[in-house]
Structures are given as C-alpha cells and as structure tokens.
Amino acid sequence: MHPRLLKTFLAVARHRNITRAAREVHLAQSSVSDQIQSLESELGVVLFIRSRHGLDLTTAGDALKPYAEEILQLAEEARIAVEATTGMTAGTVTVGALETIATVKLPQWLAAFRGDHPEIGLRLKIAGSDALLRQLEEGEIDVAFCFDKGGLDERLARRTISAEPLVLVASPEHAPASGQSDLAALAAMRFVVTETGCVYRHLFDTAFAEMAAPELAAEVGSIGAIAGLVATGVGMGLVQRLAVAHALARGEIVELPWPGSARTASLVLIWRRRRVQPPALKLLLAAAARNFAALRSAGDRPRHAEPSLS
C-alpha cells in the first residue's frame, strides 16, 4: 500500500466527497477516483459506499483507516528522524490560532522567533477551537494556540503558556450603579456572549456554573462584536482582557470589578504527539515555553471603573 494512496484514501474518508478530497490532495477528481480504485483492487475489497450524505466507509474501510493514519505518521516520523541526523533546523512550521490570539498575541512573538531563527519559515492559519483541533489531528497545522476547555484527544499534547485575565465590561453610560457586588447580583444582569460551542462561551458558562446563568442579551460570532454591542449598552460582557484592550484604552467600554477572586483563561499550546518532533517545531515549542508568558499585549493593564454591581 503506497503512502500516496493511503493519503488520498484518508482525504476521501474525511470529506466523504471526491471533489473536496481532490482539492485537499491537489489532484484531479479522476486521479482521486483512480487511486481509490487501485487501493481497492490491491486489497480486494470495497472501501466506500454511496449514501444520501456522500461516500461512507464500508466495514473494510473502517478497519483500514487507523492503520492508514499510523502508516503515514510512521513515514513522517522516519523522514523527520533522518533529517534530524543532519543537525539542520531549517523547515516550515504551520501555526494555527484563534483570531484574537493571532491578532493580539502572536505578531510580536512570532516576529521575535523569526528574528532568532531566520532559517525557519512560518505559516499562520486562523480558525475556531474545534477546527484547530481537527487540523492538528489531520496534520494541516503543526501547533495551535487556543484557550483550554478540556477534553483533549490522547493523541495531542498540551502545555499552558499563560493565564489571560477575564474581565467584566460594560458601557460607560450603562454601567451598574454603586451598590452590593456579588455573583448573584451579577447573574441578574444581561450579557452579550459568543455562540454555544465556542471556547469563549465555554469560559462564560464556567464562570456561572454554580448558579442560574444570566439572561443573554445577544449571541454573536466574535469577540469584536461583543465589544461593539457592550459599548452601545446592549448588555455586559465577560471576555479576555487581551481581546478588548483597545476598546478599554479608547474608553468605549469600562472594566468593572469581578466579585471574588480574579478569573483567568488558560492559553494553551497544543501539538501532535510523535516519537520524533521536527527540529523547527521543537525550537518553536521551546521558545513558547520559555518566554511567551512574559509577553504583554498592548493595553494589557487593569482599567477598573468606579461603579460596582448593584
């Protein structure tokens, strides 16, 4: 079984569609079909069957899939091990990140890393948390920067690289009046949040896990939209300070004290476990462990407003 055929097989298994698989492996649709037929002929079985939803794996296809993944991973590790004997660190690392992290945290850090290692090329892809994990598992990216929400696949490794403060924000004109400040009072407020399934929504839900969740004023698709809606008085927000630092600095929103101990979100670095890691990736992982937590975002300072929660 040639690795090229197995790579095409896995692409079709992921997409359940010849056209999309062909786009991923950079082949014509006819070439993808020919390769699947060649693999089926070699094994003497049918690997896919058509259904209303596309191409489904047969029982034989299901049996082949984990072995195909392992064979390709072993081939990649063999190549990496051989390259490591040369002592060369040149290569390209594909980094995935949430949009907020890519915009606020990574430019300065990646520029410093590139300055220290000009022989290493960098690619940056932006996606949501679930998409980043899928891309890691499928080898589309080498490492991901995102916020931790647990439940990580055992094939992936994780390292916490910083604790990012969560801040309670409101419009200056609609900030709660002075008075008692406790979590119960806070839960009676209206909040603008991201959609269910988003890591930012997970952090919000966790903050109110011990009581009835606050009323939702709106569910939106980005942190930037939350800052904009909070600024107009639609509701309050509970977000990472790094995501709204510029809006705080401009006075569009104000930070209010959070009742109890300060809350933080763990910014994690996630990568695939391998017996041998590419030298370029090893350098990037080491650099992140060594100095990422020391990086401060622009405007990354507490900016509490006078009003407290009523």
C-alpha atoms as a PDB file:
ATOM      1  CA  MET A   1       0.000   0.000   0.000  1.00  0.00           C
ATOM      2  CA  HIS A   2       1.723   3.115  -1.227  1.00  0.00           C
ATOM      3  CA  PRO A   3       1.540   6.072   1.201  1.00  0.00           C
ATOM      4  CA  ARG A   4       0.234   8.240  -1.640  1.00  0.00           C
ATOM      5  CA  LEU A   5      -2.831   6.001  -1.983  1.00  0.00           C
ATOM      6  CA  LEU A   6      -3.386   5.992   1.773  1.00  0.00           C
ATOM      7  CA  LYS A   7      -3.217   9.788   1.911  1.00  0.00           C
ATOM      8  CA  THR A   8      -5.874  10.021  -0.794  1.00  0.00           C
ATOM      9  CA  PHE A   9      -7.997   7.386   0.956  1.00  0.00           C
ATOM     10  CA  LEU A  10      -7.934   9.385   4.209  1.00  0.00           C
ATOM     11  CA  ALA A  11      -8.824  12.609   2.409  1.00  0.00           C
ATOM     12  CA  VAL A  12     -11.904  10.961   0.875  1.00  0.00           C
ATOM     13  CA  ALA A  13     -12.805   9.456   4.264  1.00  0.00           C
ATOM     14  CA  ARG A  14     -12.644  12.926   5.875  1.00  0.00           C
ATOM     15  CA  HIS A  15     -14.587  14.813   3.238  1.00  0.00           C
ATOM     16  CA  ARG A  16     -16.892  11.981   2.077  1.00  0.00           C
ATOM     17  CA  ASN A  17     -16.634  13.656  -1.293  1.00  0.00           C
ATOM     18  CA  ILE A  18     -14.268  13.158  -4.238  1.00  0.00           C
ATOM     19  CA  THR A  19     -14.246  16.825  -5.263  1.00  0.00           C
ATOM     20  CA  ARG A  20     -13.278  18.164  -1.835  1.00  0.00           C
ATOM     21  CA  ALA A  21     -10.741  15.384  -1.321  1.00  0.00           C
ATOM     22  CA  ALA A  22      -9.159  16.176  -4.708  1.00  0.00           C
ATOM     23  CA  ARG A  23      -8.812  19.810  -3.655  1.00  0.00           C
ATOM     24  CA  GLU A  24      -7.033  18.792  -0.437  1.00  0.00           C
ATOM     25  CA  VAL A  25      -4.506  16.458  -2.089  1.00  0.00           C
ATOM     26  CA  HIS A  26      -4.063  18.682  -5.165  1.00  0.00           C
ATOM     27  CA  LEU A  27      -5.179  16.077  -7.704  1.00  0.00           C
ATOM     28  CA  ALA A  28      -7.795  15.917 -10.426  1.00  0.00           C
ATOM     29  CA  GLN A  29     -11.036  14.201  -9.418  1.00  0.00           C
ATOM     30  CA  SER A  30     -10.353  11.427 -11.908  1.00  0.00           C
ATOM     31  CA  SER A  31      -6.942  10.804 -10.305  1.00  0.00           C
ATOM     32  CA  VAL A  32      -8.535  10.515  -6.858  1.00  0.00           C
ATOM     33  CA  SER A  33     -11.065   8.002  -8.184  1.00  0.00           C
ATOM     34  CA  ASP A  34      -8.284   6.041  -9.905  1.00  0.00           C
ATOM     35  CA  GLN A  35      -6.230   5.898  -6.712  1.00  0.00           C
ATOM     36  CA  ILE A  36      -9.162   4.666  -4.635  1.00  0.00           C
ATOM     37  CA  GLN A  37      -9.881   2.002  -7.246  1.00  0.00           C
ATOM     38  CA  SER A  38      -6.204   0.959  -7.215  1.00  0.00           C
ATOM     39  CA  LEU A  39      -6.249   0.617  -3.430  1.00  0.00           C
ATOM     40  CA  GLU A  40      -9.483  -1.375  -3.524  1.00  0.00           C
ATOM     41  CA  SER A  41      -8.051  -3.634  -6.224  1.00  0.00           C
ATOM     42  CA  GLU A  42      -4.883  -4.211  -4.200  1.00  0.00           C
ATOM     43  CA  LEU A  43      -6.849  -5.102  -1.057  1.00  0.00           C
ATOM     44  CA  GLY A  44      -9.640  -6.933  -2.845  1.00  0.00           C
ATOM     45  CA  VAL A  45     -12.386  -5.033  -1.012  1.00  0.00           C
ATOM     46  CA  VAL A  46     -14.729  -2.072  -1.463  1.00  0.00           C
ATOM     47  CA  LEU A  47     -13.703   0.826   0.795  1.00  0.00           C
ATOM     48  CA  PHE A  48     -16.556   3.288   0.170  1.00  0.00           C
ATOM     49  CA  ILE A  49     -20.278   3.062  -0.475  1.00  0.00           C
ATOM     50  CA  ARG A  50     -22.508   5.917  -1.620  1.00  0.00           C
ATOM     51  CA  SER A  51     -25.269   7.214   0.636  1.00  0.00           C
ATOM     52  CA  ARG A  52     -27.505  10.286   0.804  1.00  0.00           C
ATOM     53  CA  HIS A  53     -24.771  12.068   2.740  1.00  0.00           C
ATOM     54  CA  GLY A  54     -21.891  11.246   0.401  1.00  0.00           C
ATOM     55  CA  LEU A  55     -19.279   8.494   0.475  1.00  0.00           C
ATOM     56  CA  ASP A  56     -19.401   6.341   3.600  1.00  0.00           C
ATOM     57  CA  LEU A  57     -16.668   3.979   4.698  1.00  0.00           C
ATOM     58  CA  THR A  58     -17.525   0.296   4.460  1.00  0.00           C
ATOM     59  CA  THR A  59     -16.592  -2.092   7.269  1.00  0.00           C
ATOM     60  CA  ALA A  60     -13.337  -2.747   5.412  1.00  0.00           C
ATOM     61  CA  GLY A  61     -12.721   0.999   5.065  1.00  0.00           C
ATOM     62  CA  ASP A  62     -13.285   1.490   8.787  1.00  0.00           C
ATOM     63  CA  ALA A  63     -10.772  -1.247   9.506  1.00  0.00           C
ATOM     64  CA  LEU A  64      -8.174   0.308   7.207  1.00  0.00           C
ATOM     65  CA  LYS A  65      -8.481   3.893   8.465  1.00  0.00           C
ATOM     66  CA  PRO A  66      -6.498   3.689  11.758  1.00  0.00           C
ATOM     67  CA  TYR A  67      -3.734   1.677  10.070  1.00  0.00           C
ATOM     68  CA  ALA A  68      -3.531   4.203   7.226  1.00  0.00           C
ATOM     69  CA  GLU A  69      -3.164   7.018   9.756  1.00  0.00           C
ATOM     70  CA  GLU A  70      -0.466   5.133  11.651  1.00  0.00           C
ATOM     71  CA  ILE A  71       1.457   4.219   8.485  1.00  0.00           C
ATOM     72  CA  LEU A  72       1.525   7.835   7.308  1.00  0.00           C
ATOM     73  CA  GLN A  73       2.545   9.079  10.739  1.00  0.00           C
ATOM     74  CA  LEU A  74       5.345   6.490  10.904  1.00  0.00           C
ATOM     75  CA  ALA A  75       6.559   7.506   7.441  1.00  0.00           C
ATOM     76  CA  GLU A  76       6.604  11.153   8.512  1.00  0.00           C
ATOM     77  CA  GLU A  77       8.490  10.349  11.717  1.00  0.00           C
ATOM     78  CA  ALA A  78      11.039   8.327   9.747  1.00  0.00           C
ATOM     79  CA  ARG A  79      11.656  11.286   7.465  1.00  0.00           C
ATOM     80  CA  ILE A  80      11.977  13.634  10.445  1.00  0.00           C
ATOM     81  CA  ALA A  81      14.394  11.275  12.236  1.00  0.00           C
ATOM     82  CA  VAL A  82      16.624  11.086   9.174  1.00  0.00           C
ATOM     83  CA  GLU A  83      16.578  14.866   8.719  1.00  0.00           C
ATOM     84  CA  ALA A  84      17.447  15.341  12.398  1.00  0.00           C
ATOM     85  CA  THR A  85      20.734  13.467  11.910  1.00  0.00           C
ATOM     86  CA  THR A  86      21.942  16.305   9.684  1.00  0.00           C
ATOM     87  CA  GLY A  87      21.676  18.819  12.531  1.00  0.00           C
ATOM     88  CA  MET A  88      19.719  21.194  10.326  1.00  0.00           C
ATOM     89  CA  THR A  89      16.865  23.171  11.885  1.00  0.00           C
ATOM     90  CA  ALA A  90      15.536  24.661   8.658  1.00  0.00           C
ATOM     91  CA  GLY A  91      11.913  23.929   7.862  1.00  0.00           C
ATOM     92  CA  THR A  92       8.445  25.414   7.988  1.00  0.00           C
ATOM     93  CA  VAL A  93       6.087  25.411  10.972  1.00  0.00           C
ATOM     94  CA  THR A  94       2.375  25.927  10.358  1.00  0.00           C
ATOM     95  CA  VAL A  95       0.780  27.686  13.323  1.00  0.00           C
ATOM     96  CA  GLY A  96      -2.964  27.721  13.973  1.00  0.00           C
ATOM     97  CA  ALA A  97      -4.604  30.205  16.328  1.00  0.00           C
ATOM     98  CA  LEU A  98      -7.870  31.759  17.402  1.00  0.00           C
ATOM     99  CA  GLU A  99      -8.391  35.107  15.702  1.00  0.00           C
ATOM    100  CA  THR A 100      -7.993  37.107  18.915  1.00  0.00           C
ATOM    101  CA  ILE A 101      -4.705  35.428  19.777  1.00  0.00           C
ATOM    102  CA  ALA A 102      -3.423  35.724  16.214  1.00  0.00           C
ATOM    103  CA  THR A 103      -4.228  39.435  16.176  1.00  0.00           C
ATOM    104  CA  VAL A 104      -3.098  40.477  19.638  1.00  0.00           C
ATOM    105  CA  LYS A 105      -0.531  37.994  20.940  1.00  0.00           C
ATOM    106  CA  LEU A 106       1.234  36.357  18.021  1.00  0.00           C
ATOM    107  CA  PRO A 107       2.593  39.173  15.810  1.00  0.00           C
ATOM    108  CA  GLN A 108       5.179  40.363  18.320  1.00  0.00           C
ATOM    109  CA  TRP A 109       6.130  36.876  19.485  1.00  0.00           C
ATOM    110  CA  LEU A 110       6.374  35.331  16.029  1.00  0.00           C
ATOM    111  CA  ALA A 111       8.448  38.271  14.825  1.00  0.00           C
ATOM    112  CA  ALA A 112      10.895  37.715  17.704  1.00  0.00           C
ATOM    113  CA  PHE A 113      11.031  33.976  17.000  1.00  0.00           C
ATOM    114  CA  ARG A 114      11.630  34.612  13.303  1.00  0.00           C
ATOM    115  CA  GLY A 115      14.433  37.008  14.200  1.00  0.00           C
ATOM    116  CA  ASP A 116      16.115  34.328  16.321  1.00  0.00           C
ATOM    117  CA  HIS A 117      15.575  31.612  13.700  1.00  0.00           C
ATOM    118  CA  PRO A 118      15.555  33.156  10.203  1.00  0.00           C
ATOM    119  CA  GLU A 119      16.059  29.695   8.684  1.00  0.00           C
ATOM    120  CA  ILE A 120      12.578  28.620   9.834  1.00  0.00           C
ATOM    121  CA  GLY A 121       9.555  29.524   7.721  1.00  0.00           C
ATOM    122  CA  LEU A 122       6.229  30.303   9.376  1.00  0.00           C
ATOM    123  CA  ARG A 123       2.640  29.916   8.173  1.00  0.00           C
ATOM    124  CA  LEU A 124      -0.337  31.162  10.173  1.00  0.00           C
ATOM    125  CA  LYS A 125      -3.893  29.826   9.917  1.00  0.00           C
ATOM    126  CA  ILE A 126      -6.839  31.294  11.827  1.00  0.00           C
ATOM    127  CA  ALA A 127      -9.821  29.179  12.908  1.00  0.00           C
ATOM    128  CA  GLY A 128     -12.102  28.324  15.822  1.00  0.00           C
ATOM    129  CA  SER A 129     -11.076  25.899  18.566  1.00  0.00           C
ATOM    130  CA  ASP A 130     -12.787  22.811  17.147  1.00  0.00           C
ATOM    131  CA  ALA A 131     -11.406  23.463  13.666  1.00  0.00           C
ATOM    132  CA  LEU A 132      -7.893  23.927  15.066  1.00  0.00           C
ATOM    133  CA  LEU A 133      -8.025  20.562  16.837  1.00  0.00           C
ATOM    134  CA  ARG A 134      -9.278  18.867  13.680  1.00  0.00           C
ATOM    135  CA  GLN A 135      -6.500  20.469  11.651  1.00  0.00           C
ATOM    136  CA  LEU A 136      -3.950  19.246  14.188  1.00  0.00           C
ATOM    137  CA  GLU A 137      -5.267  15.704  14.057  1.00  0.00           C
ATOM    138  CA  GLU A 138      -5.226  15.727  10.262  1.00  0.00           C
ATOM    139  CA  GLY A 139      -1.755  17.257  10.018  1.00  0.00           C
ATOM    140  CA  GLU A 140      -2.850  20.526   8.406  1.00  0.00           C
ATOM    141  CA  ILE A 141      -1.158  22.548  11.153  1.00  0.00           C
ATOM    142  CA  ASP A 142       1.767  21.712  13.458  1.00  0.00           C
ATOM    143  CA  VAL A 143       0.738  23.596  16.570  1.00  0.00           C
ATOM    144  CA  ALA A 144      -2.301  25.505  17.832  1.00  0.00           C
ATOM    145  CA  PHE A 145      -2.703  28.464  20.198  1.00  0.00           C
ATOM    146  CA  CYS A 146      -6.131  28.449  21.844  1.00  0.00           C
ATOM    147  CA  PHE A 147      -7.893  28.624  25.200  1.00  0.00           C
ATOM    148  CA  ASP A 148      -8.215  25.424  27.185  1.00  0.00           C
ATOM    149  CA  LYS A 149     -11.633  23.831  27.526  1.00  0.00           C
ATOM    150  CA  GLY A 150     -10.512  20.301  28.408  1.00  0.00           C
ATOM    151  CA  GLY A 151     -11.413  17.003  26.766  1.00  0.00           C
ATOM    152  CA  LEU A 152      -8.259  16.752  24.668  1.00  0.00           C
ATOM    153  CA  ASP A 153      -7.657  13.734  22.426  1.00  0.00           C
ATOM    154  CA  GLU A 154      -4.880  11.498  23.807  1.00  0.00           C
ATOM    155  CA  ARG A 155      -3.010  11.859  20.505  1.00  0.00           C
ATOM    156  CA  LEU A 156      -2.462  15.537  21.292  1.00  0.00           C
ATOM    157  CA  ALA A 157      -0.148  17.134  23.845  1.00  0.00           C
ATOM    158  CA  ARG A 158      -0.926  20.374  25.661  1.00  0.00           C
ATOM    159  CA  ARG A 159       1.099  22.989  27.531  1.00  0.00           C
ATOM    160  CA  THR A 160      -0.292  26.020  29.361  1.00  0.00           C
ATOM    161  CA  ILE A 161       1.770  29.048  28.337  1.00  0.00           C
ATOM    162  CA  SER A 162      -0.071  31.918  30.020  1.00  0.00           C
ATOM    163  CA  ALA A 163      -3.070  32.779  32.158  1.00  0.00           C
ATOM    164  CA  GLU A 164      -5.098  35.507  30.465  1.00  0.00           C
ATOM    165  CA  PRO A 165      -7.345  37.624  32.737  1.00  0.00           C
ATOM    166  CA  LEU A 166     -11.084  37.581  32.133  1.00  0.00           C
ATOM    167  CA  VAL A 167     -12.657  40.980  32.590  1.00  0.00           C
ATOM    168  CA  LEU A 168     -16.182  42.155  33.242  1.00  0.00           C
ATOM    169  CA  VAL A 169     -17.009  45.032  30.882  1.00  0.00           C
ATOM    170  CA  ALA A 170     -19.904  47.413  30.336  1.00  0.00           C
ATOM    171  CA  SER A 171     -20.769  50.602  28.506  1.00  0.00           C
ATOM    172  CA  PRO A 172     -19.670  53.724  30.443  1.00  0.00           C
ATOM    173  CA  GLU A 173     -23.223  55.076  30.174  1.00  0.00           C
ATOM    174  CA  HIS A 174     -24.878  51.824  31.233  1.00  0.00           C
ATOM    175  CA  ALA A 175     -22.501  50.572  33.928  1.00  0.00           C
ATOM    176  CA  PRO A 176     -24.385  49.394  37.041  1.00  0.00           C
ATOM    177  CA  ALA A 177     -24.815  51.892  39.833  1.00  0.00           C
ATOM    178  CA  SER A 178     -22.821  51.603  43.052  1.00  0.00           C
ATOM    179  CA  GLY A 179     -24.068  49.020  45.492  1.00  0.00           C
ATOM    180  CA  GLN A 180     -23.627  45.454  46.594  1.00  0.00           C
ATOM    181  CA  SER A 181     -21.289  43.473  44.385  1.00  0.00           C
ATOM    182  CA  ASP A 182     -21.725  39.705  44.365  1.00  0.00           C
ATOM    183  CA  LEU A 183     -22.125  36.886  41.884  1.00  0.00           C
ATOM    184  CA  ALA A 184     -25.881  36.636  42.454  1.00  0.00           C
ATOM    185  CA  ALA A 185     -26.329  40.301  41.518  1.00  0.00           C
ATOM    186  CA  LEU A 186     -24.134  39.783  38.505  1.00  0.00           C
ATOM    187  CA  ALA A 187     -26.207  36.799  37.377  1.00  0.00           C
ATOM    188  CA  ALA A 188     -29.254  39.078  37.246  1.00  0.00           C
ATOM    189  CA  MET A 189     -27.633  41.214  34.535  1.00  0.00           C
ATOM    190  CA  ARG A 190     -27.938  40.798  30.765  1.00  0.00           C
ATOM    191  CA  PHE A 191     -24.867  39.627  28.859  1.00  0.00           C
ATOM    192  CA  VAL A 192     -23.612  39.569  25.295  1.00  0.00           C
ATOM    193  CA  VAL A 193     -21.862  36.247  24.611  1.00  0.00           C
ATOM    194  CA  THR A 194     -20.463  34.154  21.791  1.00  0.00           C
ATOM    195  CA  GLU A 195     -22.345  31.168  20.386  1.00  0.00           C
ATOM    196  CA  THR A 196     -22.635  27.772  22.072  1.00  0.00           C
ATOM    197  CA  GLY A 197     -19.649  25.568  21.262  1.00  0.00           C
ATOM    198  CA  CYS A 198     -17.193  28.463  21.084  1.00  0.00           C
ATOM    199  CA  VAL A 199     -14.368  28.340  23.642  1.00  0.00           C
ATOM    200  CA  TYR A 200     -15.219  31.890  24.758  1.00  0.00           C
ATOM    201  CA  ARG A 201     -18.792  30.758  25.515  1.00  0.00           C
ATOM    202  CA  HIS A 202     -17.368  27.823  27.463  1.00  0.00           C
ATOM    203  CA  LEU A 203     -15.399  30.234  29.650  1.00  0.00           C
ATOM    204  CA  PHE A 204     -18.514  32.350  30.233  1.00  0.00           C
ATOM    205  CA  ASP A 205     -20.645  29.328  31.148  1.00  0.00           C
ATOM    206  CA  THR A 206     -17.949  28.051  33.526  1.00  0.00           C
ATOM    207  CA  ALA A 207     -17.899  31.370  35.388  1.00  0.00           C
ATOM    208  CA  PHE A 208     -21.593  30.958  36.237  1.00  0.00           C
ATOM    209  CA  ALA A 209     -21.585  27.163  36.628  1.00  0.00           C
ATOM    210  CA  GLU A 210     -22.717  27.265  40.264  1.00  0.00           C
ATOM    211  CA  MET A 211     -25.894  29.280  39.680  1.00  0.00           C
ATOM    212  CA  ALA A 212     -28.534  30.048  37.100  1.00  0.00           C
ATOM    213  CA  ALA A 213     -26.932  31.557  34.019  1.00  0.00           C
ATOM    214  CA  PRO A 214     -27.573  35.273  33.370  1.00  0.00           C
ATOM    215  CA  GLU A 215     -30.068  36.363  30.740  1.00  0.00           C
ATOM    216  CA  LEU A 216     -28.477  36.613  27.321  1.00  0.00           C
ATOM    217  CA  ALA A 217     -28.938  39.910  25.522  1.00  0.00           C
ATOM    218  CA  ALA A 218     -27.351  38.574  22.323  1.00  0.00           C
ATOM    219  CA  GLU A 219     -25.250  35.721  20.951  1.00  0.00           C
ATOM    220  CA  VAL A 220     -22.638  36.796  18.396  1.00  0.00           C
ATOM    221  CA  GLY A 221     -19.864  35.287  16.339  1.00  0.00           C
ATOM    222  CA  SER A 222     -16.824  37.244  17.520  1.00  0.00           C
ATOM    223  CA  ILE A 223     -15.265  38.986  20.495  1.00  0.00           C
ATOM    224  CA  GLY A 224     -15.046  42.181  18.442  1.00  0.00           C
ATOM    225  CA  ALA A 225     -18.813  42.146  18.038  1.00  0.00           C
ATOM    226  CA  ILE A 226     -19.214  41.668  21.792  1.00  0.00           C
ATOM    227  CA  ALA A 227     -17.121  44.788  22.480  1.00  0.00           C
ATOM    228  CA  GLY A 228     -19.182  46.780  19.992  1.00  0.00           C
ATOM    229  CA  LEU A 229     -22.534  45.695  21.427  1.00  0.00           C
ATOM    230  CA  VAL A 230     -21.382  46.225  25.017  1.00  0.00           C
ATOM    231  CA  ALA A 231     -20.261  49.746  24.061  1.00  0.00           C
ATOM    232  CA  THR A 232     -23.792  50.562  22.869  1.00  0.00           C
ATOM    233  CA  GLY A 233     -25.354  49.307  26.108  1.00  0.00           C
ATOM    234  CA  VAL A 234     -26.968  46.105  24.783  1.00  0.00           C
ATOM    235  CA  GLY A 235     -25.544  44.156  27.717  1.00  0.00           C
ATOM    236  CA  MET A 236     -22.435  43.380  29.723  1.00  0.00           C
ATOM    237  CA  GLY A 237     -19.582  41.093  28.695  1.00  0.00           C
ATOM    238  CA  LEU A 238     -17.145  38.680  30.307  1.00  0.00           C
ATOM    239  CA  VAL A 239     -14.172  38.308  27.983  1.00  0.00           C
ATOM    240  CA  GLN A 240     -10.374  38.075  27.900  1.00  0.00           C
ATOM    241  CA  ARG A 241      -8.780  41.438  28.556  1.00  0.00           C
ATOM    242  CA  LEU A 242      -6.449  40.959  25.601  1.00  0.00           C
ATOM    243  CA  ALA A 243      -9.472  40.797  23.285  1.00  0.00           C
ATOM    244  CA  VAL A 244     -10.877  44.179  24.375  1.00  0.00           C
ATOM    245  CA  ALA A 245      -7.712  46.042  25.412  1.00  0.00           C
ATOM    246  CA  HIS A 246      -8.006  48.623  22.633  1.00  0.00           C
ATOM    247  CA  ALA A 247     -11.703  49.273  23.331  1.00  0.00           C
ATOM    248  CA  LEU A 248     -10.848  49.772  27.024  1.00  0.00           C
ATOM    249  CA  ALA A 249      -7.983  52.110  26.158  1.00  0.00           C
ATOM    250  CA  ARG A 250     -10.277  54.204  23.949  1.00  0.00           C
ATOM    251  CA  GLY A 251     -12.870  54.437  26.729  1.00  0.00           C
ATOM    252  CA  GLU A 252     -15.578  52.761  24.623  1.00  0.00           C
ATOM    253  CA  ILE A 253     -16.156  50.242  27.429  1.00  0.00           C
ATOM    254  CA  VAL A 254     -15.132  50.142  31.100  1.00  0.00           C
ATOM    255  CA  GLU A 255     -13.897  47.310  33.260  1.00  0.00           C
ATOM    256  CA  LEU A 256     -15.845  46.545  36.427  1.00  0.00           C
ATOM    257  CA  PRO A 257     -14.580  44.617  39.455  1.00  0.00           C
ATOM    258  CA  TRP A 258     -15.385  40.904  39.414  1.00  0.00           C
ATOM    259  CA  PRO A 259     -16.848  39.625  42.709  1.00  0.00           C
ATOM    260  CA  GLY A 260     -14.459  37.231  44.407  1.00  0.00           C
ATOM    261  CA  SER A 261     -11.109  36.057  43.123  1.00  0.00           C
ATOM    262  CA  ALA A 262      -9.995  37.125  39.660  1.00  0.00           C
ATOM    263  CA  ARG A 263     -10.828  34.745  36.826  1.00  0.00           C
ATOM    264  CA  THR A 264      -8.393  33.743  34.124  1.00  0.00           C
ATOM    265  CA  ALA A 265      -8.431  31.687  30.933  1.00  0.00           C
ATOM    266  CA  SER A 266      -5.575  29.280  30.268  1.00  0.00           C
ATOM    267  CA  LEU A 267      -3.902  29.954  26.938  1.00  0.00           C
ATOM    268  CA  VAL A 268      -2.532  26.630  25.768  1.00  0.00           C
ATOM    269  CA  LEU A 269      -0.208  25.357  23.086  1.00  0.00           C
ATOM    270  CA  ILE A 270      -1.359  22.070  21.526  1.00  0.00           C
ATOM    271  CA  TRP A 271       0.559  19.780  19.177  1.00  0.00           C
ATOM    272  CA  ARG A 272       0.550  16.178  17.983  1.00  0.00           C
ATOM    273  CA  ARG A 273       2.439  13.568  19.975  1.00  0.00           C
ATOM    274  CA  ARG A 274       5.226  11.943  17.936  1.00  0.00           C
ATOM    275  CA  ARG A 275       8.227   9.834  18.768  1.00  0.00           C
ATOM    276  CA  VAL A 276      10.322  12.397  16.904  1.00  0.00           C
ATOM    277  CA  GLN A 277       9.367  16.051  16.547  1.00  0.00           C
ATOM    278  CA  PRO A 278      10.644  18.157  13.610  1.00  0.00           C
ATOM    279  CA  PRO A 279      13.614  20.290  14.761  1.00  0.00           C
ATOM    280  CA  ALA A 280      11.892  23.518  13.697  1.00  0.00           C
ATOM    281  CA  LEU A 281       8.783  22.653  15.716  1.00  0.00           C
ATOM    282  CA  LYS A 282      10.906  21.688  18.738  1.00  0.00           C
ATOM    283  CA  LEU A 283      12.511  25.118  18.665  1.00  0.00           C
ATOM    284  CA  LEU A 284       9.148  26.859  18.488  1.00  0.00           C
ATOM    285  CA  LEU A 285       7.727  24.787  21.366  1.00  0.00           C
ATOM    286  CA  ALA A 286      10.790  25.526  23.475  1.00  0.00           C
ATOM    287  CA  ALA A 287      10.588  29.247  22.715  1.00  0.00           C
ATOM    288  CA  ALA A 288       6.896  29.333  23.702  1.00  0.00           C
ATOM    289  CA  ALA A 289       7.597  27.564  26.985  1.00  0.00           C
ATOM    290  CA  ARG A 290      10.494  29.903  27.716  1.00  0.00           C
ATOM    291  CA  ASN A 291       9.151  33.377  27.033  1.00  0.00           C
ATOM    292  CA  PHE A 292       5.534  33.507  25.810  1.00  0.00           C
ATOM    293  CA  ALA A 293       4.055  34.163  29.256  1.00  0.00           C
ATOM    294  CA  ALA A 294       6.233  37.255  29.616  1.00  0.00           C
ATOM    295  CA  LEU A 295       4.677  38.850  26.529  1.00  0.00           C
ATOM    296  CA  ARG A 296       2.232  41.645  27.327  1.00  0.00           C
ATOM    297  CA  SER A 297      -0.456  42.802  24.947  1.00  0.00           C
ATOM    298  CA  ALA A 298      -0.940  46.472  24.145  1.00  0.00           C
ATOM    299  CA  GLY A 299      -3.148  47.975  26.812  1.00  0.00           C
ATOM    300  CA  ASP A 300      -2.904  44.789  28.907  1.00  0.00           C
ATOM    301  CA  ARG A 301      -3.395  46.539  32.222  1.00  0.00           C
ATOM    302  CA  PRO A 302      -6.398  46.598  34.576  1.00  0.00           C
ATOM    303  CA  ARG A 303      -8.673  49.559  33.892  1.00  0.00           C
ATOM    304  CA  HIS A 304     -11.352  49.348  36.573  1.00  0.00           C
ATOM    305  CA  ALA A 305     -14.280  51.752  36.507  1.00  0.00           C
ATOM    306  CA  GLU A 306     -15.654  53.327  39.657  1.00  0.00           C
ATOM    307  CA  PRO A 307     -19.172  51.830  39.545  1.00  0.00           C
ATOM    308  CA  SER A 308     -19.742  48.435  41.157  1.00  0.00           C
ATOM    309  CA  LEU A 309     -22.529  45.948  40.608  1.00  0.00           C
ATOM    310  CA  SER A 310     -25.949  46.603  42.089  1.00  0.00           C
END
